[in-house]
Protein backbone atom coordinates (compact mmCIF):
# COMPACT_ATOMS: atom_id res chain seq x y z
CA MET A 1 0.00 0.00 0.00
CA PRO A 2 1.43 3.43 -0.89
CA SER A 3 2.12 5.76 1.99
CA ILE A 4 3.87 8.91 3.11
CA THR A 5 5.43 9.14 6.56
CA PHE A 6 6.33 12.47 8.13
CA PHE A 7 8.79 12.31 11.03
CA ASN A 8 9.08 14.95 13.78
CA ASN A 9 12.74 15.57 12.86
CA GLY A 10 11.79 16.94 9.40
CA ASN A 11 12.39 13.74 7.43
CA VAL A 12 9.79 12.16 5.13
CA THR A 13 9.54 8.76 3.41
CA VAL A 14 7.33 8.01 0.40
CA LYS A 15 6.49 4.37 -0.43
CA GLN A 16 4.90 3.23 -3.69
CA ASP A 17 2.60 0.25 -4.34
CA TYR A 18 5.33 -1.55 -6.24
CA GLY A 19 7.67 -1.50 -3.23
CA SER A 20 10.06 1.35 -3.97
CA SER A 21 10.61 4.11 -1.45
CA ALA A 22 12.34 7.48 -1.38
CA SER A 23 13.32 9.69 1.52
CA GLY A 24 13.98 13.36 1.92
CA ALA A 25 13.08 16.29 4.11
CA TYR A 26 10.18 18.68 4.59
CA VAL A 27 9.57 22.08 6.15
CA ILE A 28 6.17 23.52 7.06
CA ASP A 29 5.57 27.25 6.72
CA GLU A 30 2.90 27.57 9.41
CA PRO A 31 1.48 30.99 8.39
CA THR A 32 0.66 29.68 4.89
CA ASN A 33 0.25 25.95 5.72
CA MET A 34 2.65 25.11 2.87
CA ILE A 35 4.90 22.06 3.03
CA THR A 36 8.11 22.27 0.98
CA PHE A 37 9.88 19.00 0.17
CA SER A 38 13.58 18.57 -0.58
CA SER A 39 15.44 15.54 -1.95
CA VAL A 40 12.09 13.77 -2.54
CA THR A 41 9.01 14.53 -4.61
CA PRO A 42 5.87 12.78 -3.34
CA ASN A 43 4.06 11.26 -6.31
CA ILE A 44 1.80 8.45 -5.14
CA VAL A 45 -0.23 6.90 -7.96
CA ILE A 46 -3.93 6.75 -7.05
CA ALA A 47 -5.23 5.41 -10.35
CA ASP A 48 -3.75 4.98 -13.80
CA TRP A 49 -4.67 8.54 -14.69
CA ILE A 50 -3.92 10.47 -11.49
CA GLY A 51 -1.28 10.79 -8.80
CA THR A 52 -0.50 13.02 -5.84
CA SER A 53 2.19 15.12 -7.47
CA THR A 54 3.43 18.38 -5.96
CA THR A 55 3.56 21.87 -7.44
CA ALA A 56 6.48 22.92 -9.66
CA ASP A 57 8.11 24.26 -6.47
CA ASN A 58 7.73 20.81 -4.81
CA LYS A 59 5.06 21.99 -2.36
CA TRP A 60 1.70 20.92 -0.96
CA LYS A 61 -0.76 23.02 1.01
CA ILE A 62 -2.26 21.60 4.19
CA VAL A 63 -5.94 22.16 3.46
CA LYS A 64 -7.59 20.45 6.44
CA ILE A 65 -6.63 18.39 9.49
CA GLU A 66 -9.19 15.88 10.81
CA ARG A 67 -9.63 15.07 14.51
CA ALA A 68 -12.56 13.68 16.51
CA THR A 69 -12.19 16.60 18.96
CA PRO A 70 -9.78 19.56 19.07
CA THR A 71 -7.49 17.68 21.49
CA SER A 72 -7.74 14.23 19.83
CA PRO A 73 -4.95 12.76 17.70
CA VAL A 74 -5.01 13.54 13.98
CA THR A 75 -6.96 10.91 12.00
CA GLY A 76 -6.76 12.36 8.51
CA ILE A 77 -5.21 15.16 6.52
CA TRP A 78 -6.08 16.86 3.22
CA PHE A 79 -3.17 18.11 1.09
CA GLY A 80 -3.65 20.22 -2.00
CA LYS A 81 -1.93 22.00 -4.83
CA ARG A 82 -3.13 24.86 -6.99
CA ASP A 83 -3.36 24.30 -10.72
CA PRO A 84 -0.79 26.60 -12.38
CA ASN A 85 -3.15 27.37 -15.29
CA LYS A 86 -6.56 27.61 -13.62
CA ALA A 87 -8.00 28.86 -10.33
CA GLU A 88 -8.50 25.28 -9.10
CA TYR A 89 -7.04 23.04 -6.42
CA MET A 90 -6.33 19.32 -6.65
CA VAL A 91 -6.85 17.93 -3.14
CA PHE A 92 -5.70 14.57 -1.75
CA HIS A 93 -7.14 12.91 1.37
CA PHE A 94 -4.77 10.79 3.48
CA LEU A 95 -5.87 8.68 6.44
CA LEU A 96 -3.50 8.14 9.34
CA ARG A 97 -2.74 4.66 10.51
């Protein structure tokens, strides 16, 4: 199963369905909720025609965090990227395990 794992130390690992993985780093700009990746570009294939690619600057926006209550652990997260040619966002929903 494909996955992305964010570690508290700023490292990230992306695993694909076919078993390969890549690691790198990430930084979150809290005022804008933008995540910038370095040394790795998350691109998890969802279906033959779509994947979770990043922007040209290798970024995702944190669109929404899901929790049962404000103090509960995170159960899901929505990442997005703005289309460079249209005023649209592509949004990806990840569930935490």
